[in-house]
Amino acid sequence: MARIASAIKSRLPDTIRLAGTHAGNHPWKIQLVEHPGRKESSFFRAAKATVKKILDETSDEDLPYGPRPTGSEHWEMHHGGSLWVKGRDGWRMYRAKAGIEWSMQFCADPEKVDRLRLLAAELVDAFPLTLPALDALGYEEARELLRRPITDADGVEAWTDSLFNSCVPLNRGDHQGILPRTPGEHHYPWPVKGADYFRYSDFKLWVTLPDGTHGAVAPVGRRGSGDGRVRLLHAPEDSKAADTLAQAQELREMAVLPSDSPVALEAFELQIARADGTRHDGGPRRGGRRHA
């Protein structure tokens, strides 16, 4: 199978010139050490207990990142900037400007974290039902968290593990997954991973690249256009496509794979496989092969 870099290069404008490969002569090492014992803070325990009550009150269709776990599965709480508010129609979760991962608190500037607090407080003020509802759920610390300026590491810790940062509910795959099984937020860029929550169910966002690595693609045209090409959006750094993708982005061009490439065919395979000869949107398939 042709290398994906070559396949993409042959279809990009002549203005793109691949620079070849480069190797450094400065070896480096990463030391693996045992993870220090991490105890859940009282702030995190209180936040998790509260959000579980909120999720119990929330209908399946209103879950921010459903579906609801079943059997032995459970929600994992992601420190992703979880701004929970109560509106007339129930609980809603918005994402903050930035989420503070637990380890990231140790490089967090209290002044900058306080700006996140101010933005959260402004949002909660726009939903006056929120604080009384949190009081009723036993999360009375919400008022102090939103009103007390963050000036030191203790304040950063409290905010990091609070309901307003630490409680984005995700299943394990969406939280920590790695391809080829499931892409998780910790390993894949959010602008791409986020499409998992709104894409057509018969379009495969995550595909296998010809060099065996895994990347993400999007259709080039609207659904029903008949254009079966796909644009490469994400490739891991060890992929042969990574340099080409980076250069295309630098030149403000697209890295596009043709409609008959294995990558494009995989992306549309669920649509191609329809046995009744129609597209997902009801129209005839063009050539019986693919449709965007």
C-alpha atoms as a PDB file:
ATOM      1  CA  MET A   1       0.000   0.000   0.000  1.00  0.00           C
ATOM      2  CA  ALA A   2       1.374   3.399  -0.947  1.00  0.00           C
ATOM      3  CA  ARG A   3       2.666   5.564   1.839  1.00  0.00           C
ATOM      4  CA  ILE A   4       0.091   8.113   2.832  1.00  0.00           C
ATOM      5  CA  ALA A   5       2.587  10.967   2.638  1.00  0.00           C
ATOM      6  CA  SER A   6       3.220  10.163  -1.016  1.00  0.00           C
ATOM      7  CA  ALA A   7      -0.478   9.785  -1.732  1.00  0.00           C
ATOM      8  CA  ILE A   8      -1.272  13.151  -0.229  1.00  0.00           C
ATOM      9  CA  LYS A   9       1.715  14.868  -1.809  1.00  0.00           C
ATOM     10  CA  SER A  10       0.665  13.833  -5.303  1.00  0.00           C
ATOM     11  CA  ARG A  11      -2.657  15.623  -4.897  1.00  0.00           C
ATOM     12  CA  LEU A  12      -1.558  18.803  -3.126  1.00  0.00           C
ATOM     13  CA  PRO A  13      -0.728  22.037  -4.964  1.00  0.00           C
ATOM     14  CA  ASP A  14       2.766  22.372  -6.413  1.00  0.00           C
ATOM     15  CA  THR A  15       3.487  25.057  -3.834  1.00  0.00           C
ATOM     16  CA  ILE A  16       3.909  22.366  -1.176  1.00  0.00           C
ATOM     17  CA  ARG A  17       7.412  20.975  -0.954  1.00  0.00           C
ATOM     18  CA  LEU A  18       8.215  18.169   1.430  1.00  0.00           C
ATOM     19  CA  ALA A  19      11.431  18.810   3.295  1.00  0.00           C
ATOM     20  CA  GLY A  20      12.374  15.188   3.833  1.00  0.00           C
ATOM     21  CA  THR A  21      13.143  13.658   7.190  1.00  0.00           C
ATOM     22  CA  HIS A  22      15.345  15.032   9.908  1.00  0.00           C
ATOM     23  CA  ALA A  23      17.101  13.321  12.800  1.00  0.00           C
ATOM     24  CA  GLY A  24      18.649  14.905  15.848  1.00  0.00           C
ATOM     25  CA  ASN A  25      21.791  13.840  17.640  1.00  0.00           C
ATOM     26  CA  HIS A  26      20.705  14.728  21.160  1.00  0.00           C
ATOM     27  CA  PRO A  27      19.374  11.575  22.837  1.00  0.00           C
ATOM     28  CA  TRP A  28      16.796  12.014  25.567  1.00  0.00           C
ATOM     29  CA  LYS A  29      15.187   9.853  28.188  1.00  0.00           C
ATOM     30  CA  ILE A  30      11.931   9.818  30.086  1.00  0.00           C
ATOM     31  CA  GLN A  31      12.032   8.234  33.490  1.00  0.00           C
ATOM     32  CA  LEU A  32       9.041   6.192  34.554  1.00  0.00           C
ATOM     33  CA  VAL A  33       8.373   6.364  38.270  1.00  0.00           C
ATOM     34  CA  GLU A  34       5.657   5.053  40.507  1.00  0.00           C
ATOM     35  CA  HIS A  35       2.674   7.356  40.684  1.00  0.00           C
ATOM     36  CA  PRO A  36       2.545   8.977  44.126  1.00  0.00           C
ATOM     37  CA  GLY A  37      -0.430   8.063  46.219  1.00  0.00           C
ATOM     38  CA  ARG A  38      -3.193  10.488  45.326  1.00  0.00           C
ATOM     39  CA  LYS A  39      -5.969  11.014  47.805  1.00  0.00           C
ATOM     40  CA  GLU A  40      -9.177  12.629  46.692  1.00  0.00           C
ATOM     41  CA  SER A  41      -9.537  16.038  48.267  1.00  0.00           C
ATOM     42  CA  SER A  42     -12.625  16.950  50.240  1.00  0.00           C
ATOM     43  CA  PHE A  43     -13.387  19.453  47.466  1.00  0.00           C
ATOM     44  CA  PHE A  44     -13.443  16.715  44.825  1.00  0.00           C
ATOM     45  CA  ARG A  45     -15.493  14.321  46.950  1.00  0.00           C
ATOM     46  CA  ALA A  46     -18.112  17.002  47.522  1.00  0.00           C
ATOM     47  CA  ALA A  47     -18.164  17.957  43.838  1.00  0.00           C
ATOM     48  CA  LYS A  48     -18.547  14.341  42.673  1.00  0.00           C
ATOM     49  CA  ALA A  49     -21.319  13.633  45.147  1.00  0.00           C
ATOM     50  CA  THR A  50     -23.163  16.689  43.895  1.00  0.00           C
ATOM     51  CA  VAL A  51     -22.781  16.019  40.191  1.00  0.00           C
ATOM     52  CA  LYS A  52     -23.993  12.448  40.648  1.00  0.00           C
ATOM     53  CA  LYS A  53     -27.216  13.873  42.099  1.00  0.00           C
ATOM     54  CA  ILE A  54     -27.426  16.289  39.181  1.00  0.00           C
ATOM     55  CA  LEU A  55     -26.970  13.466  36.668  1.00  0.00           C
ATOM     56  CA  ASP A  56     -29.662  11.436  38.410  1.00  0.00           C
ATOM     57  CA  GLU A  57     -32.022  14.388  37.899  1.00  0.00           C
ATOM     58  CA  THR A  58     -31.062  14.810  34.246  1.00  0.00           C
ATOM     59  CA  SER A  59     -32.904  13.051  31.434  1.00  0.00           C
ATOM     60  CA  ASP A  60     -30.881  10.909  29.040  1.00  0.00           C
ATOM     61  CA  GLU A  61     -31.308  13.345  26.163  1.00  0.00           C
ATOM     62  CA  ASP A  62     -29.978  16.230  28.262  1.00  0.00           C
ATOM     63  CA  LEU A  63     -26.793  14.502  29.453  1.00  0.00           C
ATOM     64  CA  PRO A  64     -23.820  16.544  28.231  1.00  0.00           C
ATOM     65  CA  TYR A  65     -21.886  13.489  27.017  1.00  0.00           C
ATOM     66  CA  GLY A  66     -24.286  10.569  27.127  1.00  0.00           C
ATOM     67  CA  PRO A  67     -25.285   7.814  26.980  1.00  0.00           C
ATOM     68  CA  ARG A  68     -25.617   6.988  30.644  1.00  0.00           C
ATOM     69  CA  PRO A  69     -23.255   4.202  31.814  1.00  0.00           C
ATOM     70  CA  THR A  70     -24.816   0.796  32.382  1.00  0.00           C
ATOM     71  CA  GLY A  71     -23.855  -2.372  34.228  1.00  0.00           C
ATOM     72  CA  SER A  72     -20.403  -2.184  35.785  1.00  0.00           C
ATOM     73  CA  GLU A  73     -19.535   1.005  33.911  1.00  0.00           C
ATOM     74  CA  HIS A  74     -19.585   4.363  35.642  1.00  0.00           C
ATOM     75  CA  TRP A  75     -19.060   8.039  34.913  1.00  0.00           C
ATOM     76  CA  GLU A  76     -15.479   9.262  35.128  1.00  0.00           C
ATOM     77  CA  MET A  77     -15.120  12.888  36.160  1.00  0.00           C
ATOM     78  CA  HIS A  78     -12.827  14.863  33.905  1.00  0.00           C
ATOM     79  CA  HIS A  79     -11.166  18.039  35.161  1.00  0.00           C
ATOM     80  CA  GLY A  80     -12.255  19.828  32.005  1.00  0.00           C
ATOM     81  CA  GLY A  81     -13.910  23.052  33.164  1.00  0.00           C
ATOM     82  CA  SER A  82     -17.418  21.911  34.128  1.00  0.00           C
ATOM     83  CA  LEU A  83     -19.690  24.935  34.614  1.00  0.00           C
ATOM     84  CA  TRP A  84     -22.962  23.499  35.910  1.00  0.00           C
ATOM     85  CA  VAL A  85     -26.011  25.780  35.992  1.00  0.00           C
ATOM     86  CA  LYS A  86     -29.720  25.289  36.644  1.00  0.00           C
ATOM     87  CA  GLY A  87     -32.153  26.723  34.127  1.00  0.00           C
ATOM     88  CA  ARG A  88     -35.908  26.610  33.765  1.00  0.00           C
ATOM     89  CA  ASP A  89     -35.652  23.299  31.919  1.00  0.00           C
ATOM     90  CA  GLY A  90     -33.164  21.654  34.249  1.00  0.00           C
ATOM     91  CA  TRP A  91     -29.424  21.313  34.650  1.00  0.00           C
ATOM     92  CA  ARG A  92     -26.986  22.269  31.911  1.00  0.00           C
ATOM     93  CA  MET A  93     -23.198  22.018  31.744  1.00  0.00           C
ATOM     94  CA  TYR A  94     -21.071  24.528  29.868  1.00  0.00           C
ATOM     95  CA  ARG A  95     -17.332  24.205  29.288  1.00  0.00           C
ATOM     96  CA  ALA A  96     -15.043  26.839  30.783  1.00  0.00           C
ATOM     97  CA  LYS A  97     -12.477  28.825  28.819  1.00  0.00           C
ATOM     98  CA  ALA A  98      -9.941  26.313  30.128  1.00  0.00           C
ATOM     99  CA  GLY A  99     -10.120  23.239  32.297  1.00  0.00           C
ATOM    100  CA  ILE A 100      -7.426  22.653  34.911  1.00  0.00           C
ATOM    101  CA  GLU A 101      -6.217  19.061  34.975  1.00  0.00           C
ATOM    102  CA  TRP A 102      -5.310  17.879  38.473  1.00  0.00           C
ATOM    103  CA  SER A 103      -1.560  17.876  37.767  1.00  0.00           C
ATOM    104  CA  MET A 104      -1.774  21.233  36.028  1.00  0.00           C
ATOM    105  CA  GLN A 105      -2.690  23.000  39.249  1.00  0.00           C
ATOM    106  CA  PHE A 106       0.986  22.907  40.198  1.00  0.00           C
ATOM    107  CA  CYS A 107       1.860  25.264  37.339  1.00  0.00           C
ATOM    108  CA  ALA A 108      -1.292  27.372  37.649  1.00  0.00           C
ATOM    109  CA  ASP A 109      -0.984  31.105  38.322  1.00  0.00           C
ATOM    110  CA  PRO A 110      -3.570  32.025  41.003  1.00  0.00           C
ATOM    111  CA  GLU A 111      -4.254  35.340  39.279  1.00  0.00           C
ATOM    112  CA  LYS A 112      -5.118  33.598  36.007  1.00  0.00           C
ATOM    113  CA  VAL A 113      -7.201  30.958  37.754  1.00  0.00           C
ATOM    114  CA  ASP A 114      -9.097  33.768  39.447  1.00  0.00           C
ATOM    115  CA  ARG A 115     -10.087  35.056  36.023  1.00  0.00           C
ATOM    116  CA  LEU A 116     -11.657  31.664  35.364  1.00  0.00           C
ATOM    117  CA  ARG A 117     -13.543  32.032  38.646  1.00  0.00           C
ATOM    118  CA  LEU A 118     -14.862  35.444  37.623  1.00  0.00           C
ATOM    119  CA  LEU A 119     -16.094  34.099  34.292  1.00  0.00           C
ATOM    120  CA  ALA A 120     -17.804  31.191  36.051  1.00  0.00           C
ATOM    121  CA  ALA A 121     -19.446  33.536  38.552  1.00  0.00           C
ATOM    122  CA  GLU A 122     -20.772  35.702  35.723  1.00  0.00           C
ATOM    123  CA  LEU A 123     -22.332  32.666  34.054  1.00  0.00           C
ATOM    124  CA  VAL A 124     -23.893  31.390  37.281  1.00  0.00           C
ATOM    125  CA  ASP A 125     -25.319  34.867  37.977  1.00  0.00           C
ATOM    126  CA  ALA A 126     -27.176  34.594  34.670  1.00  0.00           C
ATOM    127  CA  PHE A 127     -28.897  31.441  36.004  1.00  0.00           C
ATOM    128  CA  PRO A 128     -30.372  32.540  39.357  1.00  0.00           C
ATOM    129  CA  LEU A 129     -31.836  29.090  40.041  1.00  0.00           C
ATOM    130  CA  THR A 130     -28.361  27.566  40.277  1.00  0.00           C
ATOM    131  CA  LEU A 131     -27.144  28.452  43.767  1.00  0.00           C
ATOM    132  CA  PRO A 132     -30.434  27.662  45.550  1.00  0.00           C
ATOM    133  CA  ALA A 133     -30.528  24.327  43.715  1.00  0.00           C
ATOM    134  CA  LEU A 134     -26.954  23.543  44.739  1.00  0.00           C
ATOM    135  CA  ASP A 135     -27.816  24.461  48.341  1.00  0.00           C
ATOM    136  CA  ALA A 136     -30.654  21.955  48.160  1.00  0.00           C
ATOM    137  CA  LEU A 137     -28.228  19.289  46.949  1.00  0.00           C
ATOM    138  CA  GLY A 138     -25.897  20.025  49.860  1.00  0.00           C
ATOM    139  CA  TYR A 139     -23.205  21.831  47.859  1.00  0.00           C
ATOM    140  CA  GLU A 140     -23.236  24.982  49.930  1.00  0.00           C
ATOM    141  CA  GLU A 141     -19.566  25.748  49.227  1.00  0.00           C
ATOM    142  CA  ALA A 142     -20.533  26.885  45.728  1.00  0.00           C
ATOM    143  CA  ARG A 143     -21.187  30.449  46.903  1.00  0.00           C
ATOM    144  CA  GLU A 144     -17.818  30.799  48.587  1.00  0.00           C
ATOM    145  CA  LEU A 145     -15.992  29.232  45.657  1.00  0.00           C
ATOM    146  CA  LEU A 146     -17.528  31.724  43.257  1.00  0.00           C
ATOM    147  CA  ARG A 147     -17.112  34.795  45.473  1.00  0.00           C
ATOM    148  CA  ARG A 148     -13.743  34.358  47.177  1.00  0.00           C
ATOM    149  CA  PRO A 149     -10.748  35.618  45.140  1.00  0.00           C
ATOM    150  CA  ILE A 150      -8.109  32.997  44.351  1.00  0.00           C
ATOM    151  CA  THR A 151      -4.752  34.274  45.577  1.00  0.00           C
ATOM    152  CA  ASP A 152      -2.668  31.221  46.475  1.00  0.00           C
ATOM    153  CA  ALA A 153      -2.110  27.492  45.905  1.00  0.00           C
ATOM    154  CA  ASP A 154      -4.831  26.563  48.391  1.00  0.00           C
ATOM    155  CA  GLY A 155      -7.334  28.561  46.396  1.00  0.00           C
ATOM    156  CA  VAL A 156      -6.149  26.971  43.157  1.00  0.00           C
ATOM    157  CA  GLU A 157      -6.561  23.494  44.670  1.00  0.00           C
ATOM    158  CA  ALA A 158     -10.081  24.234  45.850  1.00  0.00           C
ATOM    159  CA  TRP A 159     -11.082  25.538  42.420  1.00  0.00           C
ATOM    160  CA  THR A 160      -9.363  22.696  40.542  1.00  0.00           C
ATOM    161  CA  ASP A 161     -11.354  20.062  42.422  1.00  0.00           C
ATOM    162  CA  SER A 162     -14.605  22.026  42.514  1.00  0.00           C
ATOM    163  CA  LEU A 163     -17.895  21.415  40.712  1.00  0.00           C
ATOM    164  CA  PHE A 164     -16.960  24.284  38.389  1.00  0.00           C
ATOM    165  CA  ASN A 165     -13.875  22.537  37.019  1.00  0.00           C
ATOM    166  CA  SER A 166     -13.574  18.852  37.889  1.00  0.00           C
ATOM    167  CA  CYS A 167     -16.920  17.344  36.898  1.00  0.00           C
ATOM    168  CA  VAL A 168     -17.203  16.827  33.152  1.00  0.00           C
ATOM    169  CA  PRO A 169     -18.917  13.394  33.106  1.00  0.00           C
ATOM    170  CA  LEU A 170     -17.387  11.034  30.528  1.00  0.00           C
ATOM    171  CA  ASN A 171     -17.285   7.308  29.972  1.00  0.00           C
ATOM    172  CA  ARG A 172     -13.839   5.738  30.216  1.00  0.00           C
ATOM    173  CA  GLY A 173     -13.290   5.624  26.478  1.00  0.00           C
ATOM    174  CA  ASP A 174     -14.107   9.289  25.921  1.00  0.00           C
ATOM    175  CA  HIS A 175     -12.020  10.189  28.962  1.00  0.00           C
ATOM    176  CA  GLN A 176      -8.824   8.175  28.606  1.00  0.00           C
ATOM    177  CA  GLY A 177      -9.251   5.992  25.524  1.00  0.00           C
ATOM    178  CA  ILE A 178      -6.622   5.459  22.847  1.00  0.00           C
ATOM    179  CA  LEU A 179      -7.201   4.425  19.242  1.00  0.00           C
ATOM    180  CA  PRO A 180      -7.917   2.084  17.582  1.00  0.00           C
ATOM    181  CA  ARG A 181     -10.603   1.339  20.150  1.00  0.00           C
ATOM    182  CA  THR A 182     -11.781   4.748  21.364  1.00  0.00           C
ATOM    183  CA  PRO A 183     -10.222   8.233  21.284  1.00  0.00           C
ATOM    184  CA  GLY A 184     -10.140   9.966  24.660  1.00  0.00           C
ATOM    185  CA  GLU A 185      -9.825  13.644  25.534  1.00  0.00           C
ATOM    186  CA  HIS A 186      -6.444  13.155  27.187  1.00  0.00           C
ATOM    187  CA  HIS A 187      -4.817  11.950  23.965  1.00  0.00           C
ATOM    188  CA  TYR A 188      -6.553  13.685  21.053  1.00  0.00           C
ATOM    189  CA  PRO A 189      -7.156  17.372  20.267  1.00  0.00           C
ATOM    190  CA  TRP A 190     -10.525  18.626  21.456  1.00  0.00           C
ATOM    191  CA  PRO A 191     -11.464  20.388  18.164  1.00  0.00           C
ATOM    192  CA  VAL A 192     -11.330  16.942  16.534  1.00  0.00           C
ATOM    193  CA  LYS A 193     -12.455  14.730  19.421  1.00  0.00           C
ATOM    194  CA  GLY A 194     -15.459  17.011  19.997  1.00  0.00           C
ATOM    195  CA  ALA A 195     -16.927  15.927  16.644  1.00  0.00           C
ATOM    196  CA  ASP A 196     -17.668  12.516  18.180  1.00  0.00           C
ATOM    197  CA  TYR A 197     -20.597  14.193  19.930  1.00  0.00           C
ATOM    198  CA  PHE A 198     -22.254  15.657  16.827  1.00  0.00           C
ATOM    199  CA  ARG A 199     -21.107  13.688  13.750  1.00  0.00           C
ATOM    200  CA  TYR A 200     -23.405  11.494  11.662  1.00  0.00           C
ATOM    201  CA  SER A 201     -23.377   8.027  13.161  1.00  0.00           C
ATOM    202  CA  ASP A 202     -22.572   6.464   9.777  1.00  0.00           C
ATOM    203  CA  PHE A 203     -19.451   8.555   9.189  1.00  0.00           C
ATOM    204  CA  LYS A 204     -16.222   7.204  10.675  1.00  0.00           C
ATOM    205  CA  LEU A 205     -14.259  10.131  12.054  1.00  0.00           C
ATOM    206  CA  TRP A 206     -11.322   7.991  13.202  1.00  0.00           C
ATOM    207  CA  VAL A 207      -9.663   5.846  10.551  1.00  0.00           C
ATOM    208  CA  THR A 208      -6.605   3.654  10.005  1.00  0.00           C
ATOM    209  CA  LEU A 209      -3.903   5.332   7.935  1.00  0.00           C
ATOM    210  CA  PRO A 210      -1.915   3.230   5.429  1.00  0.00           C
ATOM    211  CA  ASP A 211       1.144   3.219   7.694  1.00  0.00           C
ATOM    212  CA  GLY A 212      -0.876   1.551  10.455  1.00  0.00           C
ATOM    213  CA  THR A 213      -1.321   4.631  12.632  1.00  0.00           C
ATOM    214  CA  HIS A 214      -4.713   6.164  13.299  1.00  0.00           C
ATOM    215  CA  GLY A 215      -5.966   9.604  12.353  1.00  0.00           C
ATOM    216  CA  ALA A 216      -9.112  11.645  11.917  1.00  0.00           C
ATOM    217  CA  VAL A 217     -10.768  12.826   8.725  1.00  0.00           C
ATOM    218  CA  ALA A 218     -13.769  14.888   7.660  1.00  0.00           C
ATOM    219  CA  PRO A 219     -15.725  14.992   4.388  1.00  0.00           C
ATOM    220  CA  VAL A 220     -14.679  17.656   1.900  1.00  0.00           C
ATOM    221  CA  GLY A 221     -18.247  18.402   0.816  1.00  0.00           C
ATOM    222  CA  ARG A 222     -21.730  18.512   2.235  1.00  0.00           C
ATOM    223  CA  ARG A 223     -23.683  15.339   2.817  1.00  0.00           C
ATOM    224  CA  GLY A 224     -25.285  14.222  -0.429  1.00  0.00           C
ATOM    225  CA  SER A 225     -22.804  16.084  -2.626  1.00  0.00           C
ATOM    226  CA  GLY A 226     -21.363  12.886  -4.053  1.00  0.00           C
ATOM    227  CA  ASP A 227     -17.853  14.032  -3.179  1.00  0.00           C
ATOM    228  CA  GLY A 228     -16.144  11.087  -1.510  1.00  0.00           C
ATOM    229  CA  ARG A 229     -12.851  12.791  -0.739  1.00  0.00           C
ATOM    230  CA  VAL A 230     -11.808  13.351   2.876  1.00  0.00           C
ATOM    231  CA  ARG A 231      -9.640  15.932   4.551  1.00  0.00           C
ATOM    232  CA  LEU A 232      -7.014  14.721   6.999  1.00  0.00           C
ATOM    233  CA  LEU A 233      -7.524  16.567  10.296  1.00  0.00           C
ATOM    234  CA  HIS A 234      -5.292  14.740  12.727  1.00  0.00           C
ATOM    235  CA  ALA A 235      -2.371  12.351  12.468  1.00  0.00           C
ATOM    236  CA  PRO A 236      -0.128  11.267  15.339  1.00  0.00           C
ATOM    237  CA  GLU A 237       3.420  12.586  15.365  1.00  0.00           C
ATOM    238  CA  ASP A 238       4.855   9.169  14.506  1.00  0.00           C
ATOM    239  CA  SER A 239       2.708   8.882  11.393  1.00  0.00           C
ATOM    240  CA  LYS A 240       4.230   9.303   7.945  1.00  0.00           C
ATOM    241  CA  ALA A 241       1.394  11.751   7.251  1.00  0.00           C
ATOM    242  CA  ALA A 242       2.211  14.096  10.125  1.00  0.00           C
ATOM    243  CA  ASP A 243       4.798  16.222   8.315  1.00  0.00           C
ATOM    244  CA  THR A 244       2.598  16.597   5.251  1.00  0.00           C
ATOM    245  CA  LEU A 245      -0.356  17.589   7.395  1.00  0.00           C
ATOM    246  CA  ALA A 246       1.728  20.152   9.286  1.00  0.00           C
ATOM    247  CA  GLN A 247       3.013  21.690   6.056  1.00  0.00           C
ATOM    248  CA  ALA A 248      -0.461  21.854   4.568  1.00  0.00           C
ATOM    249  CA  GLN A 249      -1.697  23.692   7.651  1.00  0.00           C
ATOM    250  CA  GLU A 250       1.254  26.071   7.579  1.00  0.00           C
ATOM    251  CA  LEU A 251       0.451  26.942   3.954  1.00  0.00           C
ATOM    252  CA  ARG A 252      -3.268  27.196   4.776  1.00  0.00           C
ATOM    253  CA  GLU A 253      -4.008  24.340   2.411  1.00  0.00           C
ATOM    254  CA  MET A 254      -5.897  21.083   2.981  1.00  0.00           C
ATOM    255  CA  ALA A 255      -4.387  17.617   3.018  1.00  0.00           C
ATOM    256  CA  VAL A 256      -6.989  15.722   0.968  1.00  0.00           C
ATOM    257  CA  LEU A 257      -7.192  12.015   0.224  1.00  0.00           C
ATOM    258  CA  PRO A 258      -8.997  10.850  -2.933  1.00  0.00           C
ATOM    259  CA  SER A 259     -12.354   9.129  -2.833  1.00  0.00           C
ATOM    260  CA  ASP A 260     -10.901   5.755  -3.871  1.00  0.00           C
ATOM    261  CA  SER A 261      -8.220   5.757  -1.168  1.00  0.00           C
ATOM    262  CA  PRO A 262      -8.499   3.156   1.613  1.00  0.00           C
ATOM    263  CA  VAL A 263      -8.823   5.979   4.148  1.00  0.00           C
ATOM    264  CA  ALA A 264     -11.803   7.601   2.409  1.00  0.00           C
ATOM    265  CA  LEU A 265     -13.468   4.248   1.795  1.00  0.00           C
ATOM    266  CA  GLU A 266     -13.124   3.394   5.486  1.00  0.00           C
ATOM    267  CA  ALA A 267     -14.569   6.746   6.521  1.00  0.00           C
ATOM    268  CA  PHE A 268     -17.683   6.156   4.394  1.00  0.00           C
ATOM    269  CA  GLU A 269     -17.882   2.378   4.707  1.00  0.00           C
ATOM    270  CA  LEU A 270     -21.050   2.394   6.821  1.00  0.00           C
ATOM    271  CA  GLN A 271     -22.772   4.431   4.127  1.00  0.00           C
ATOM    272  CA  ILE A 272     -21.341   2.352   1.296  1.00  0.00           C
ATOM    273  CA  ALA A 273     -22.549  -0.831   2.983  1.00  0.00           C
ATOM    274  CA  ARG A 274     -26.214   0.124   2.804  1.00  0.00           C
ATOM    275  CA  ALA A 275     -27.797  -2.761   0.928  1.00  0.00           C
ATOM    276  CA  ASP A 276     -30.927  -0.944  -0.267  1.00  0.00           C
ATOM    277  CA  GLY A 277     -29.078   1.243  -2.802  1.00  0.00           C
ATOM    278  CA  THR A 278     -29.929   4.538  -1.152  1.00  0.00           C
ATOM    279  CA  ARG A 279     -27.951   7.080   0.766  1.00  0.00           C
ATOM    280  CA  HIS A 280     -28.558   7.711   4.433  1.00  0.00           C
ATOM    281  CA  ASP A 281     -30.500  10.843   3.433  1.00  0.00           C
ATOM    282  CA  GLY A 282     -32.738   8.921   1.056  1.00  0.00           C
ATOM    283  CA  GLY A 283     -31.201   9.738  -2.332  1.00  0.00           C
ATOM    284  CA  PRO A 284     -29.510   7.318  -4.744  1.00  0.00           C
ATOM    285  CA  ARG A 285     -25.831   6.530  -4.218  1.00  0.00           C
ATOM    286  CA  ARG A 286     -23.553   7.828  -6.927  1.00  0.00           C
ATOM    287  CA  GLY A 287     -21.952   4.846  -8.569  1.00  0.00           C
ATOM    288  CA  GLY A 288     -22.909   2.721  -5.580  1.00  0.00           C
ATOM    289  CA  ARG A 289     -19.641   3.651  -3.867  1.00  0.00           C
ATOM    290  CA  ARG A 290     -19.747   6.589  -1.489  1.00  0.00           C
ATOM    291  CA  HIS A 291     -21.372   9.885  -0.636  1.00  0.00           C
ATOM    292  CA  ALA A 292     -20.385  12.679   1.660  1.00  0.00           C
END
